[in-house]
Amino acid sequence: MMVDKHSVGIDVDKKTFKVCLMKQTEDKKKVLGSRTFSNSTTGFDELMSWSSGKLKEASAHYVMEATGV
């Protein structure tokens, strides 16, 4: 039996960051939501509130690309 896996992909730029929340089950992947946030403390607080609401009690891995900047 496979446990559902959740991940949040994050693309950061100077003024905003975009996220996509996905759920992976044994046989499929499903986008649960996507959204753009302000690249600020408020934006990160909004991300945590938004993702908590979507995830309910599940946990997730938050991932982003390393750009070398």
Protein backbone atom coordinates (compact mmCIF):
# COMPACT_ATOMS: atom_id res chain seq x y z
CA MET A 1 0.00 0.00 0.00
CA MET A 2 1.42 3.36 -1.05
CA VAL A 3 0.94 6.42 1.12
CA ASP A 4 -0.17 9.57 -0.71
CA LYS A 5 2.70 12.02 -1.19
CA HIS A 6 2.28 15.78 -1.38
CA SER A 7 4.76 18.30 -2.74
CA VAL A 8 4.82 22.06 -3.20
CA GLY A 9 6.99 23.30 -6.06
CA ILE A 10 8.12 26.91 -5.68
CA ASP A 11 9.43 29.25 -8.41
CA VAL A 12 10.89 32.44 -6.88
CA ASP A 13 11.52 35.74 -8.63
CA LYS A 14 12.29 39.22 -7.35
CA LYS A 15 8.73 40.39 -6.57
CA THR A 16 6.68 37.18 -6.39
CA PHE A 17 6.86 33.44 -6.04
CA LYS A 18 4.59 30.92 -7.69
CA VAL A 19 3.63 27.60 -6.15
CA CYS A 20 1.99 24.40 -7.33
CA LEU A 21 0.66 21.87 -4.83
CA MET A 22 0.52 18.27 -6.09
CA LYS A 23 -0.67 14.96 -4.69
CA GLN A 24 0.80 11.68 -5.90
CA THR A 25 -0.96 8.38 -5.36
CA GLU A 26 0.08 4.95 -6.52
CA ASP A 27 -1.47 5.38 -9.97
CA LYS A 28 -1.77 9.14 -10.66
CA LYS A 29 -0.69 12.69 -9.92
CA LYS A 30 -3.16 15.49 -9.28
CA VAL A 31 -2.68 19.25 -9.02
CA LEU A 32 -4.52 20.40 -5.90
CA GLY A 33 -3.90 24.09 -6.56
CA SER A 34 -1.54 26.77 -7.72
CA ARG A 35 -1.13 30.39 -6.71
CA THR A 36 1.18 33.43 -6.87
CA PHE A 37 2.32 35.16 -3.67
CA SER A 38 4.23 38.34 -2.92
CA ASN A 39 7.93 37.70 -2.21
CA SER A 40 7.69 39.11 1.31
CA THR A 41 7.10 37.96 4.87
CA THR A 42 3.37 38.43 4.31
CA GLY A 43 3.53 36.30 1.16
CA PHE A 44 5.27 33.46 2.99
CA ASP A 45 2.68 33.63 5.78
CA GLU A 46 -0.07 33.47 3.13
CA LEU A 47 1.64 30.44 1.53
CA MET A 48 1.64 28.56 4.82
CA SER A 49 -2.01 29.38 5.48
CA TRP A 50 -3.07 28.46 1.93
CA SER A 51 -1.12 25.17 1.85
CA SER A 52 -2.33 24.17 5.33
CA GLY A 53 -5.91 24.63 4.17
CA LYS A 54 -5.33 22.51 1.07
CA LEU A 55 -3.36 19.78 2.86
CA LYS A 56 -5.65 19.39 5.90
CA GLU A 57 -3.67 16.99 8.13
CA ALA A 58 -1.20 15.76 5.46
CA SER A 59 2.43 16.81 5.33
CA ALA A 60 4.27 18.00 2.23
CA HIS A 61 7.76 18.52 0.88
CA TYR A 62 8.46 22.12 -0.17
CA VAL A 63 10.94 22.21 -3.05
CA MET A 64 12.56 24.89 -5.20
CA GLU A 65 15.23 25.10 -7.85
CA ALA A 66 18.76 26.09 -6.87
CA THR A 67 19.74 28.85 -9.30
CA GLY A 68 23.30 29.63 -8.24
CA VAL A 69 22.64 33.33 -7.70
